[in-house]
Amino acid sequence: MSGILFYDGECGLCNRAVRTLNGLDRHSCLRFEPLQGVCARQLLPANLRDQVTTVVYHREGMPQLLRSDAILQALIDTGTGYRIPARLALTLPRALRDPIYRCIAKNRHRCPL
C-alpha cells in the first residue's frame, strides 16, 4: 500500500528523517510532502496542516495516522527490517509513544542541519 507522509518542510531534523526513510523505501511505497505544500492543502484539513509538529501519514481509503503511529506505520510499509521493531513499538500504548514523539518534535529545531 502506498501512502504520503506529510512533515514539516522547514525542519532540518524532519528533512533528514525523510531522506532516511526515502533511502529505506526500496519499493517506492512512500511519497513525502511538506505540510506547507499544495498537496497537503488538497488532502489534509487545516487543523492538521497548521500543526507542523505533527507528522501525518495519509493512505487512500484509510484513516490518517498522526505522530508515532504515522512514523511506525511508514516504517512498516517500507517492508525493510525496520518493520519488525516498528510493529513491536506499535504494541506499546500510544500514551507512552506519543510523549516521546512530542518531546522530539518540541526540540527538533535545536538539532543542527
PDB file of N, CA and C in Angstrom:
ATOM      1  N   MET A   1       0.848  -1.172   0.000  1.00  0.00           N
ATOM      2  CA  MET A   1       0.000   0.000   0.000  1.00  0.00           C
ATOM      3  C   MET A   1       0.892   1.233   0.000  1.00  0.00           C
ATOM      4  N   SER A   2       0.601   2.192  -0.848  1.00  0.00           N
ATOM      5  CA  SER A   2       1.396   3.416  -0.886  1.00  0.00           C
ATOM      6  C   SER A   2       0.708   4.496  -0.057  1.00  0.00           C
ATOM      7  N   GLY A   3       1.529   5.403   0.446  1.00  0.00           N
ATOM      8  CA  GLY A   3       0.998   6.476   1.262  1.00  0.00           C
ATOM      9  C   GLY A   3       1.842   7.719   1.143  1.00  0.00           C
ATOM     10  N   ILE A   4       1.321   8.792   1.692  1.00  0.00           N
ATOM     11  CA  ILE A   4       2.020  10.076   1.696  1.00  0.00           C
ATOM     12  C   ILE A   4       2.318  10.439   3.135  1.00  0.00           C
ATOM     13  N   LEU A   5       3.566  10.698   3.412  1.00  0.00           N
ATOM     14  CA  LEU A   5       3.970  11.136   4.732  1.00  0.00           C
ATOM     15  C   LEU A   5       4.164  12.645   4.679  1.00  0.00           C
ATOM     16  N   PHE A   6       3.317  13.373   5.397  1.00  0.00           N
ATOM     17  CA  PHE A   6       3.403  14.826   5.466  1.00  0.00           C
ATOM     18  C   PHE A   6       4.252  15.208   6.669  1.00  0.00           C
ATOM     19  N   TYR A   7       5.170  16.133   6.466  1.00  0.00           N
ATOM     20  CA  TYR A   7       6.127  16.520   7.500  1.00  0.00           C
ATOM     21  C   TYR A   7       6.368  18.019   7.434  1.00  0.00           C
ATOM     22  N   ASP A   8       7.014  18.553   8.459  1.00  0.00           N
ATOM     23  CA  ASP A   8       7.361  19.978   8.494  1.00  0.00           C
ATOM     24  C   ASP A   8       8.523  20.209   7.530  1.00  0.00           C
ATOM     25  N   GLY A   9       8.238  20.817   6.417  1.00  0.00           N
ATOM     26  CA  GLY A   9       9.248  21.050   5.389  1.00  0.00           C
ATOM     27  C   GLY A   9      10.312  22.057   5.781  1.00  0.00           C
ATOM     28  N   GLU A  10      10.113  22.777   6.872  1.00  0.00           N
ATOM     29  CA  GLU A  10      11.077  23.786   7.321  1.00  0.00           C
ATOM     30  C   GLU A  10      11.952  23.282   8.464  1.00  0.00           C
ATOM     31  N   CYS A  11      11.865  22.000   8.763  1.00  0.00           N
ATOM     32  CA  CYS A  11      12.578  21.411   9.899  1.00  0.00           C
ATOM     33  C   CYS A  11      13.732  20.549   9.391  1.00  0.00           C
ATOM     34  N   GLY A  12      14.938  20.857   9.841  1.00  0.00           N
ATOM     35  CA  GLY A  12      16.113  20.099   9.420  1.00  0.00           C
ATOM     36  C   GLY A  12      16.052  18.647   9.851  1.00  0.00           C
ATOM     37  N   LEU A  13      15.634  18.398  11.094  1.00  0.00           N
ATOM     38  CA  LEU A  13      15.515  17.024  11.586  1.00  0.00           C
ATOM     39  C   LEU A  13      14.494  16.249  10.757  1.00  0.00           C
ATOM     40  N   CYS A  14      13.373  16.890  10.446  1.00  0.00           N
ATOM     41  CA  CYS A  14      12.330  16.246   9.645  1.00  0.00           C
ATOM     42  C   CYS A  14      12.848  15.909   8.251  1.00  0.00           C
ATOM     43  N   ASN A  15      13.588  16.837   7.653  1.00  0.00           N
ATOM     44  CA  ASN A  15      14.133  16.602   6.320  1.00  0.00           C
ATOM     45  C   ASN A  15      15.137  15.449   6.323  1.00  0.00           C
ATOM     46  N   ARG A  16      15.956  15.359   7.372  1.00  0.00           N
ATOM     47  CA  ARG A  16      16.892  14.233   7.478  1.00  0.00           C
ATOM     48  C   ARG A  16      16.144  12.918   7.652  1.00  0.00           C
ATOM     49  N   ALA A  17      15.088  12.927   8.463  1.00  0.00           N
ATOM     50  CA  ALA A  17      14.288  11.719   8.663  1.00  0.00           C
ATOM     51  C   ALA A  17      13.640  11.278   7.350  1.00  0.00           C
ATOM     52  N   VAL A  18      13.170  12.244   6.564  1.00  0.00           N
ATOM     53  CA  VAL A  18      12.562  11.934   5.273  1.00  0.00           C
ATOM     54  C   VAL A  18      13.599  11.328   4.331  1.00  0.00           C
ATOM     55  N   ARG A  19      14.797  11.892   4.295  1.00  0.00           N
ATOM     56  CA  ARG A  19      15.856  11.327   3.440  1.00  0.00           C
ATOM     57  C   ARG A  19      16.180   9.897   3.860  1.00  0.00           C
ATOM     58  N   THR A  20      16.209   9.650   5.166  1.00  0.00           N
ATOM     59  CA  THR A  20      16.489   8.305   5.667  1.00  0.00           C
ATOM     60  C   THR A  20      15.381   7.339   5.262  1.00  0.00           C
ATOM     61  N   LEU A  21      14.130   7.730   5.493  1.00  0.00           N
ATOM     62  CA  LEU A  21      13.004   6.871   5.106  1.00  0.00           C
ATOM     63  C   LEU A  21      12.972   6.636   3.604  1.00  0.00           C
ATOM     64  N   ASN A  22      13.264   7.659   2.839  1.00  0.00           N
ATOM     65  CA  ASN A  22      13.281   7.523   1.385  1.00  0.00           C
ATOM     66  C   ASN A  22      14.345   6.511   0.957  1.00  0.00           C
ATOM     67  N   GLY A  23      15.494   6.534   1.614  1.00  0.00           N
ATOM     68  CA  GLY A  23      16.549   5.573   1.313  1.00  0.00           C
ATOM     69  C   GLY A  23      16.160   4.151   1.684  1.00  0.00           C
ATOM     70  N   LEU A  24      15.375   3.995   2.737  1.00  0.00           N
ATOM     71  CA  LEU A  24      14.920   2.663   3.160  1.00  0.00           C
ATOM     72  C   LEU A  24      13.813   2.126   2.266  1.00  0.00           C
ATOM     73  N   ASP A  25      13.068   3.013   1.645  1.00  0.00           N
ATOM     74  CA  ASP A  25      11.877   2.643   0.874  1.00  0.00           C
ATOM     75  C   ASP A  25      12.274   2.154  -0.523  1.00  0.00           C
ATOM     76  N   ARG A  26      12.753   0.944  -0.603  1.00  0.00           N
ATOM     77  CA  ARG A  26      13.264   0.395  -1.878  1.00  0.00           C
ATOM     78  C   ARG A  26      12.170   0.090  -2.888  1.00  0.00           C
ATOM     79  N   HIS A  27      10.929  -0.043  -2.418  1.00  0.00           N
ATOM     80  CA  HIS A  27       9.817  -0.354  -3.321  1.00  0.00           C
ATOM     81  C   HIS A  27       8.989   0.880  -3.653  1.00  0.00           C
ATOM     82  N   SER A  28       9.483   2.040  -3.273  1.00  0.00           N
ATOM     83  CA  SER A  28       8.803   3.322  -3.531  1.00  0.00           C
ATOM     84  C   SER A  28       7.348   3.299  -3.062  1.00  0.00           C
ATOM     85  N   CYS A  29       7.143   2.833  -1.832  1.00  0.00           N
ATOM     86  CA  CYS A  29       5.798   2.789  -1.254  1.00  0.00           C
ATOM     87  C   CYS A  29       5.376   4.130  -0.674  1.00  0.00           C
ATOM     88  N   LEU A  30       6.357   4.965  -0.357  1.00  0.00           N
ATOM     89  CA  LEU A  30       6.065   6.224   0.320  1.00  0.00           C
ATOM     90  C   LEU A  30       6.320   7.412  -0.589  1.00  0.00           C
ATOM     91  N   ARG A  31       5.509   8.414  -0.374  1.00  0.00           N
ATOM     92  CA  ARG A  31       5.728   9.721  -1.000  1.00  0.00           C
ATOM     93  C   ARG A  31       5.847  10.707   0.148  1.00  0.00           C
ATOM     94  N   PHE A  32       6.647  11.725  -0.014  1.00  0.00           N
ATOM     95  CA  PHE A  32       6.886  12.681   1.058  1.00  0.00           C
ATOM     96  C   PHE A  32       6.482  14.073   0.589  1.00  0.00           C
ATOM     97  N   GLU A  33       5.691  14.733   1.405  1.00  0.00           N
ATOM     98  CA  GLU A  33       5.206  16.071   1.065  1.00  0.00           C
ATOM     99  C   GLU A  33       5.256  16.947   2.312  1.00  0.00           C
ATOM    100  N   PRO A  34       5.641  18.216   2.158  1.00  0.00           N
ATOM    101  CA  PRO A  34       5.642  19.114   3.314  1.00  0.00           C
ATOM    102  C   PRO A  34       4.214  19.511   3.706  1.00  0.00           C
ATOM    103  N   LEU A  35       4.017  19.708   4.990  1.00  0.00           N
ATOM    104  CA  LEU A  35       2.715  20.170   5.483  1.00  0.00           C
ATOM    105  C   LEU A  35       2.369  21.546   4.927  1.00  0.00           C
ATOM    106  N   GLN A  36       3.388  22.292   4.514  1.00  0.00           N
ATOM    107  CA  GLN A  36       3.178  23.639   3.996  1.00  0.00           C
ATOM    108  C   GLN A  36       2.889  23.647   2.488  1.00  0.00           C
ATOM    109  N   GLY A  37       2.822  22.487   1.849  1.00  0.00           N
ATOM    110  CA  GLY A  37       2.713  22.413   0.397  1.00  0.00           C
ATOM    111  C   GLY A  37       1.300  22.310  -0.146  1.00  0.00           C
ATOM    112  N   VAL A  38       1.226  22.301  -1.472  1.00  0.00           N
ATOM    113  CA  VAL A  38      -0.042  22.237  -2.202  1.00  0.00           C
ATOM    114  C   VAL A  38      -0.760  20.912  -1.942  1.00  0.00           C
ATOM    115  N   CYS A  39      -0.025  19.822  -1.954  1.00  0.00           N
ATOM    116  CA  CYS A  39      -0.635  18.507  -1.743  1.00  0.00           C
ATOM    117  C   CYS A  39      -1.312  18.439  -0.374  1.00  0.00           C
ATOM    118  N   ALA A  40      -0.667  18.988   0.643  1.00  0.00           N
ATOM    119  CA  ALA A  40      -1.255  18.998   1.993  1.00  0.00           C
ATOM    120  C   ALA A  40      -2.541  19.825   2.004  1.00  0.00           C
ATOM    121  N   ARG A  41      -2.545  20.952   1.279  1.00  0.00           N
ATOM    122  CA  ARG A  41      -3.762  21.777   1.218  1.00  0.00           C
ATOM    123  C   ARG A  41      -4.904  21.013   0.558  1.00  0.00           C
ATOM    124  N   GLN A  42      -4.573  20.146  -0.377  1.00  0.00           N
ATOM    125  CA  GLN A  42      -5.608  19.394  -1.085  1.00  0.00           C
ATOM    126  C   GLN A  42      -6.127  18.207  -0.285  1.00  0.00           C
ATOM    127  N   LEU A  43      -5.270  17.565   0.510  1.00  0.00           N
ATOM    128  CA  LEU A  43      -5.647  16.310   1.157  1.00  0.00           C
ATOM    129  C   LEU A  43      -5.887  16.373   2.664  1.00  0.00           C
ATOM    130  N   LEU A  44      -5.355  17.401   3.328  1.00  0.00           N
ATOM    131  CA  LEU A  44      -5.453  17.448   4.785  1.00  0.00           C
ATOM    132  C   LEU A  44      -6.321  18.605   5.252  1.00  0.00           C
ATOM    133  N   PRO A  45      -7.055  18.390   6.332  1.00  0.00           N
ATOM    134  CA  PRO A  45      -7.816  19.504   6.899  1.00  0.00           C
ATOM    135  C   PRO A  45      -6.861  20.549   7.475  1.00  0.00           C
ATOM    136  N   ALA A  46      -7.309  21.782   7.556  1.00  0.00           N
ATOM    137  CA  ALA A  46      -6.466  22.900   8.004  1.00  0.00           C
ATOM    138  C   ALA A  46      -5.872  22.660   9.386  1.00  0.00           C
ATOM    139  N   ASN A  47      -6.627  22.050  10.289  1.00  0.00           N
ATOM    140  CA  ASN A  47      -6.096  21.850  11.639  1.00  0.00           C
ATOM    141  C   ASN A  47      -4.858  20.951  11.636  1.00  0.00           C
ATOM    142  N   LEU A  48      -4.760  19.997  10.731  1.00  0.00           N
ATOM    143  CA  LEU A  48      -3.562  19.150  10.645  1.00  0.00           C
ATOM    144  C   LEU A  48      -2.412  19.869   9.948  1.00  0.00           C
ATOM    145  N   ARG A  49      -2.727  20.653   8.939  1.00  0.00           N
ATOM    146  CA  ARG A  49      -1.666  21.401   8.234  1.00  0.00           C
ATOM    147  C   ARG A  49      -1.013  22.414   9.153  1.00  0.00           C
ATOM    148  N   ASP A  50      -1.783  22.987  10.048  1.00  0.00           N
ATOM    149  CA  ASP A  50      -1.262  24.016  10.938  1.00  0.00           C
ATOM    150  C   ASP A  50      -0.434  23.447  12.084  1.00  0.00           C
ATOM    151  N   GLN A  51      -0.547  22.160  12.330  1.00  0.00           N
ATOM    152  CA  GLN A  51       0.210  21.522  13.401  1.00  0.00           C
ATOM    153  C   GLN A  51       1.534  20.995  12.838  1.00  0.00           C
ATOM    154  N   VAL A  52       2.467  21.883  12.618  1.00  0.00           N
ATOM    155  CA  VAL A  52       3.719  21.457  11.985  1.00  0.00           C
ATOM    156  C   VAL A  52       4.569  20.581  12.896  1.00  0.00           C
ATOM    157  N   THR A  53       4.165  20.383  14.135  1.00  0.00           N
ATOM    158  CA  THR A  53       4.879  19.446  14.998  1.00  0.00           C
ATOM    159  C   THR A  53       4.314  18.035  14.853  1.00  0.00           C
ATOM    160  N   THR A  54       3.353  17.855  13.962  1.00  0.00           N
ATOM    161  CA  THR A  54       2.711  16.561  13.773  1.00  0.00           C
ATOM    162  C   THR A  54       3.030  16.009  12.396  1.00  0.00           C
ATOM    163  N   VAL A  55       3.519  14.785  12.370  1.00  0.00           N
ATOM    164  CA  VAL A  55       3.687  14.053  11.117  1.00  0.00           C
ATOM    165  C   VAL A  55       2.345  13.387  10.832  1.00  0.00           C
ATOM    166  N   VAL A  56       1.916  13.435   9.574  1.00  0.00           N
ATOM    167  CA  VAL A  56       0.646  12.830   9.180  1.00  0.00           C
ATOM    168  C   VAL A  56       0.924  11.817   8.080  1.00  0.00           C
ATOM    169  N   TYR A  57       0.413  10.612   8.244  1.00  0.00           N
ATOM    170  CA  TYR A  57       0.552   9.574   7.218  1.00  0.00           C
ATOM    171  C   TYR A  57      -0.809   9.351   6.595  1.00  0.00           C
ATOM    172  N   HIS A  58      -0.906   9.650   5.312  1.00  0.00           N
ATOM    173  CA  HIS A  58      -2.168   9.572   4.570  1.00  0.00           C
ATOM    174  C   HIS A  58      -2.095   8.404   3.596  1.00  0.00           C
ATOM    175  N   ARG A  59      -3.046   7.481   3.730  1.00  0.00           N
ATOM    176  CA  ARG A  59      -3.179   6.378   2.779  1.00  0.00           C
ATOM    177  C   ARG A  59      -4.604   6.383   2.268  1.00  0.00           C
ATOM    178  N   GLU A  60      -4.771   6.284   0.984  1.00  0.00           N
ATOM    179  CA  GLU A  60      -6.088   6.351   0.359  1.00  0.00           C
ATOM    180  C   GLU A  60      -7.027   5.315   0.965  1.00  0.00           C
ATOM    181  N   GLY A  61      -8.190   5.775   1.407  1.00  0.00           N
ATOM    182  CA  GLY A  61      -9.206   4.887   1.949  1.00  0.00           C
ATOM    183  C   GLY A  61      -8.948   4.408   3.366  1.00  0.00           C
ATOM    184  N   MET A  62      -7.905   4.941   4.014  1.00  0.00           N
ATOM    185  CA  MET A  62      -7.551   4.537   5.376  1.00  0.00           C
ATOM    186  C   MET A  62      -7.582   5.763   6.277  1.00  0.00           C
ATOM    187  N   PRO A  63      -7.749   5.562   7.579  1.00  0.00           N
ATOM    188  CA  PRO A  63      -7.683   6.715   8.495  1.00  0.00           C
ATOM    189  C   PRO A  63      -6.287   7.332   8.470  1.00  0.00           C
ATOM    190  N   GLN A  64      -6.229   8.640   8.627  1.00  0.00           N
ATOM    191  CA  GLN A  64      -4.933   9.315   8.688  1.00  0.00           C
ATOM    192  C   GLN A  64      -4.297   9.033  10.039  1.00  0.00           C
ATOM    193  N   LEU A  65      -3.011   8.750  10.003  1.00  0.00           N
ATOM    194  CA  LEU A  65      -2.275   8.447  11.225  1.00  0.00           C
ATOM    195  C   LEU A  65      -1.421   9.637  11.609  1.00  0.00           C
ATOM    196  N   LEU A  66      -1.285   9.870  12.914  1.00  0.00           N
ATOM    197  CA  LEU A  66      -0.535  11.023  13.409  1.00  0.00           C
ATOM    198  C   LEU A  66       0.608  10.568  14.312  1.00  0.00           C
ATOM    199  N   ARG A  67       1.602  11.425  14.421  1.00  0.00           N
ATOM    200  CA  ARG A  67       2.726  11.285  15.343  1.00  0.00           C
ATOM    201  C   ARG A  67       3.374   9.910  15.268  1.00  0.00           C
ATOM    202  N   SER A  68       3.506   9.224  16.409  1.00  0.00           N
ATOM    203  CA  SER A  68       4.234   7.952  16.431  1.00  0.00           C
ATOM    204  C   SER A  68       3.543   6.894  15.571  1.00  0.00           C
ATOM    205  N   ASP A  69       2.216   6.904  15.516  1.00  0.00           N
ATOM    206  CA  ASP A  69       1.509   5.959  14.643  1.00  0.00           C
ATOM    207  C   ASP A  69       1.931   6.146  13.193  1.00  0.00           C
ATOM    208  N   ALA A  70       2.063   7.398  12.770  1.00  0.00           N
ATOM    209  CA  ALA A  70       2.437   7.705  11.390  1.00  0.00           C
ATOM    210  C   ALA A  70       3.839   7.201  11.067  1.00  0.00           C
ATOM    211  N   ILE A  71       4.797   7.519  11.930  1.00  0.00           N
ATOM    212  CA  ILE A  71       6.181   7.119  11.691  1.00  0.00           C
ATOM    213  C   ILE A  71       6.311   5.600  11.675  1.00  0.00           C
ATOM    214  N   LEU A  72       5.723   4.951  12.665  1.00  0.00           N
ATOM    215  CA  LEU A  72       5.857   3.492  12.761  1.00  0.00           C
ATOM    216  C   LEU A  72       5.181   2.780  11.599  1.00  0.00           C
ATOM    217  N   GLN A  73       4.000   3.238  11.185  1.00  0.00           N
ATOM    218  CA  GLN A  73       3.328   2.599  10.049  1.00  0.00           C
ATOM    219  C   GLN A  73       4.100   2.832   8.758  1.00  0.00           C
ATOM    220  N   ALA A  74       4.680   4.010   8.605  1.00  0.00           N
ATOM    221  CA  ALA A  74       5.502   4.274   7.415  1.00  0.00           C
ATOM    222  C   ALA A  74       6.703   3.321   7.383  1.00  0.00           C
ATOM    223  N   LEU A  75       7.339   3.102   8.539  1.00  0.00           N
ATOM    224  CA  LEU A  75       8.448   2.141   8.605  1.00  0.00           C
ATOM    225  C   LEU A  75       7.978   0.737   8.239  1.00  0.00           C
ATOM    226  N   ILE A  76       6.819   0.345   8.721  1.00  0.00           N
ATOM    227  CA  ILE A  76       6.270  -0.972   8.387  1.00  0.00           C
ATOM    228  C   ILE A  76       6.038  -1.066   6.879  1.00  0.00           C
ATOM    229  N   ASP A  77       5.477  -0.025   6.300  1.00  0.00           N
ATOM    230  CA  ASP A  77       5.144  -0.046   4.876  1.00  0.00           C
ATOM    231  C   ASP A  77       6.362  -0.063   3.964  1.00  0.00           C
ATOM    232  N   THR A  78       7.548   0.320   4.472  1.00  0.00           N
ATOM    233  CA  THR A  78       8.748   0.241   3.621  1.00  0.00           C
ATOM    234  C   THR A  78       9.131  -1.208   3.355  1.00  0.00           C
ATOM    235  N   GLY A  79       8.694  -2.128   4.213  1.00  0.00           N
ATOM    236  CA  GLY A  79       8.997  -3.538   4.013  1.00  0.00           C
ATOM    237  C   GLY A  79      10.418  -3.930   4.398  1.00  0.00           C
ATOM    238  N   THR A  80      11.145  -3.049   5.044  1.00  0.00           N
ATOM    239  CA  THR A  80      12.523  -3.344   5.428  1.00  0.00           C
ATOM    240  C   THR A  80      12.551  -4.061   6.780  1.00  0.00           C
ATOM    241  N   GLY A  81      13.740  -4.365   7.247  1.00  0.00           N
ATOM    242  CA  GLY A  81      13.905  -4.995   8.551  1.00  0.00           C
ATOM    243  C   GLY A  81      13.403  -4.128   9.689  1.00  0.00           C
ATOM    244  N   TYR A  82      13.259  -2.827   9.450  1.00  0.00           N
ATOM    245  CA  TYR A  82      12.740  -1.927  10.483  1.00  0.00           C
ATOM    246  C   TYR A  82      11.272  -2.162  10.773  1.00  0.00           C
ATOM    247  N   ARG A  83      10.606  -2.907   9.910  1.00  0.00           N
ATOM    248  CA  ARG A  83       9.177  -3.150  10.130  1.00  0.00           C
ATOM    249  C   ARG A  83       8.939  -3.983  11.387  1.00  0.00           C
ATOM    250  N   ILE A  84       9.895  -4.846  11.741  1.00  0.00           N
ATOM    251  CA  ILE A  84       9.717  -5.713  12.911  1.00  0.00           C
ATOM    252  C   ILE A  84       9.765  -4.895  14.207  1.00  0.00           C
ATOM    253  N   PRO A  85      10.813  -4.078  14.441  1.00  0.00           N
ATOM    254  CA  PRO A  85      10.769  -3.251  15.654  1.00  0.00           C
ATOM    255  C   PRO A  85       9.627  -2.233  15.631  1.00  0.00           C
ATOM    256  N   ALA A  86       9.239  -1.776  14.438  1.00  0.00           N
ATOM    257  CA  ALA A  86       8.121  -0.830  14.354  1.00  0.00           C
ATOM    258  C   ALA A  86       6.817  -1.506  14.784  1.00  0.00           C
ATOM    259  N   ARG A  87       6.614  -2.745  14.368  1.00  0.00           N
ATOM    260  CA  ARG A  87       5.414  -3.485  14.782  1.00  0.00           C
ATOM    261  C   ARG A  87       5.411  -3.699  16.299  1.00  0.00           C
ATOM    262  N   LEU A  88       6.584  -4.022  16.834  1.00  0.00           N
ATOM    263  CA  LEU A  88       6.683  -4.192  18.288  1.00  0.00           C
ATOM    264  C   LEU A  88       6.377  -2.878  19.014  1.00  0.00           C
ATOM    265  N   ALA A  89       6.906  -1.774  18.496  1.00  0.00           N
ATOM    266  CA  ALA A  89       6.661  -0.469  19.113  1.00  0.00           C
ATOM    267  C   ALA A  89       5.182  -0.100  19.058  1.00  0.00           C
ATOM    268  N   LEU A  90       4.497  -0.508  17.997  1.00  0.00           N
ATOM    269  CA  LEU A  90       3.060  -0.213  17.898  1.00  0.00           C
ATOM    270  C   LEU A  90       2.249  -0.950  18.955  1.00  0.00           C
ATOM    271  N   THR A  91       2.800  -2.001  19.545  1.00  0.00           N
ATOM    272  CA  THR A  91       2.073  -2.702  20.602  1.00  0.00           C
ATOM    273  C   THR A  91       2.102  -1.923  21.910  1.00  0.00           C
ATOM    274  N   LEU A  92       3.042  -0.973  22.017  1.00  0.00           N
ATOM    275  CA  LEU A  92       3.072  -0.110  23.197  1.00  0.00           C
ATOM    276  C   LEU A  92       1.908   0.876  23.127  1.00  0.00           C
ATOM    277  N   PRO A  93       1.350   1.232  24.259  1.00  0.00           N
ATOM    278  CA  PRO A  93       0.249   2.203  24.233  1.00  0.00           C
ATOM    279  C   PRO A  93       0.703   3.555  23.673  1.00  0.00           C
ATOM    280  N   ARG A  94      -0.181   4.158  22.920  1.00  0.00           N
ATOM    281  CA  ARG A  94       0.104   5.476  22.346  1.00  0.00           C
ATOM    282  C   ARG A  94       0.447   6.484  23.443  1.00  0.00           C
ATOM    283  N   ALA A  95      -0.133   6.301  24.616  1.00  0.00           N
ATOM    284  CA  ALA A  95       0.140   7.200  25.743  1.00  0.00           C
ATOM    285  C   ALA A  95       1.601   7.151  26.176  1.00  0.00           C
ATOM    286  N   LEU A  96       2.313   6.096  25.842  1.00  0.00           N
ATOM    287  CA  LEU A  96       3.756   6.007  26.101  1.00  0.00           C
ATOM    288  C   LEU A  96       4.575   6.508  24.919  1.00  0.00           C
ATOM    289  N   ARG A  97       4.106   6.200  23.697  1.00  0.00           N
ATOM    290  CA  ARG A  97       4.866   6.551  22.496  1.00  0.00           C
ATOM    291  C   ARG A  97       4.798   8.037  22.153  1.00  0.00           C
ATOM    292  N   ASP A  98       3.611   8.614  22.214  1.00  0.00           N
ATOM    293  CA  ASP A  98       3.443   9.995  21.756  1.00  0.00           C
ATOM    294  C   ASP A  98       4.157  11.039  22.613  1.00  0.00           C
ATOM    295  N   PRO A  99       4.279  10.861  23.932  1.00  0.00           N
ATOM    296  CA  PRO A  99       5.073  11.843  24.679  1.00  0.00           C
ATOM    297  C   PRO A  99       6.542  11.888  24.227  1.00  0.00           C
ATOM    298  N   ILE A 100       7.088  10.752  23.848  1.00  0.00           N
ATOM    299  CA  ILE A 100       8.457  10.725  23.315  1.00  0.00           C
ATOM    300  C   ILE A 100       8.494  11.477  21.990  1.00  0.00           C
ATOM    301  N   TYR A 101       7.510  11.199  21.140  1.00  0.00           N
ATOM    302  CA  TYR A 101       7.421  11.910  19.855  1.00  0.00           C
ATOM    303  C   TYR A 101       7.315  13.419  20.090  1.00  0.00           C
ATOM    304  N   ARG A 102       6.431  13.819  21.009  1.00  0.00           N
ATOM    305  CA  ARG A 102       6.220  15.249  21.271  1.00  0.00           C
ATOM    306  C   ARG A 102       7.485  15.921  21.806  1.00  0.00           C
ATOM    307  N   CYS A 103       8.242  15.227  22.633  1.00  0.00           N
ATOM    308  CA  CYS A 103       9.498  15.769  23.160  1.00  0.00           C
ATOM    309  C   CYS A 103      10.490  16.022  22.021  1.00  0.00           C
ATOM    310  N   ILE A 104      10.598  15.065  21.118  1.00  0.00           N
ATOM    311  CA  ILE A 104      11.485  15.235  19.960  1.00  0.00           C
ATOM    312  C   ILE A 104      10.977  16.373  19.079  1.00  0.00           C
ATOM    313  N   ALA A 105       9.672  16.408  18.820  1.00  0.00           N
ATOM    314  CA  ALA A 105       9.094  17.446  17.971  1.00  0.00           C
ATOM    315  C   ALA A 105       9.290  18.835  18.572  1.00  0.00           C
ATOM    316  N   LYS A 106       9.166  18.928  19.867  1.00  0.00           N
ATOM    317  CA  LYS A 106       9.324  20.215  20.551  1.00  0.00           C
ATOM    318  C   LYS A 106      10.748  20.755  20.416  1.00  0.00           C
ATOM    319  N   ASN A 107      11.714  19.874  20.382  1.00  0.00           N
ATOM    320  CA  ASN A 107      13.120  20.273  20.349  1.00  0.00           C
ATOM    321  C   ASN A 107      13.772  20.096  18.985  1.00  0.00           C
ATOM    322  N   ARG A 108      12.991  19.829  17.968  1.00  0.00           N
ATOM    323  CA  ARG A 108      13.555  19.492  16.659  1.00  0.00           C
ATOM    324  C   ARG A 108      14.339  20.617  16.009  1.00  0.00           C
ATOM    325  N   HIS A 109      14.011  21.855  16.282  1.00  0.00           N
ATOM    326  CA  HIS A 109      14.735  22.961  15.661  1.00  0.00           C
ATOM    327  C   HIS A 109      16.081  23.238  16.323  1.00  0.00           C
ATOM    328  N   ARG A 110      16.332  22.604  17.454  1.00  0.00           N
ATOM    329  CA  ARG A 110      17.627  22.746  18.120  1.00  0.00           C
ATOM    330  C   ARG A 110      18.687  21.863  17.481  1.00  0.00           C
ATOM    331  N   CYS A 111      18.247  20.863  16.718  1.00  0.00           N
ATOM    332  CA  CYS A 111      19.188  19.934  16.077  1.00  0.00           C
ATOM    333  C   CYS A 111      19.854  20.640  14.901  1.00  0.00           C
ATOM    334  N   PRO A 112      21.178  20.540  14.774  1.00  0.00           N
ATOM    335  CA  PRO A 112      21.851  21.152  13.625  1.00  0.00           C
ATOM    336  C   PRO A 112      21.501  20.407  12.337  1.00  0.00           C
ATOM    337  N   LEU A 113      21.513  21.132  11.229  1.00  0.00           N
ATOM    338  CA  LEU A 113      21.251  20.510   9.938  1.00  0.00           C
ATOM    339  C   LEU A 113      22.377  19.619   9.629  1.00  0.00           C
TER     340      LEU A 113
END
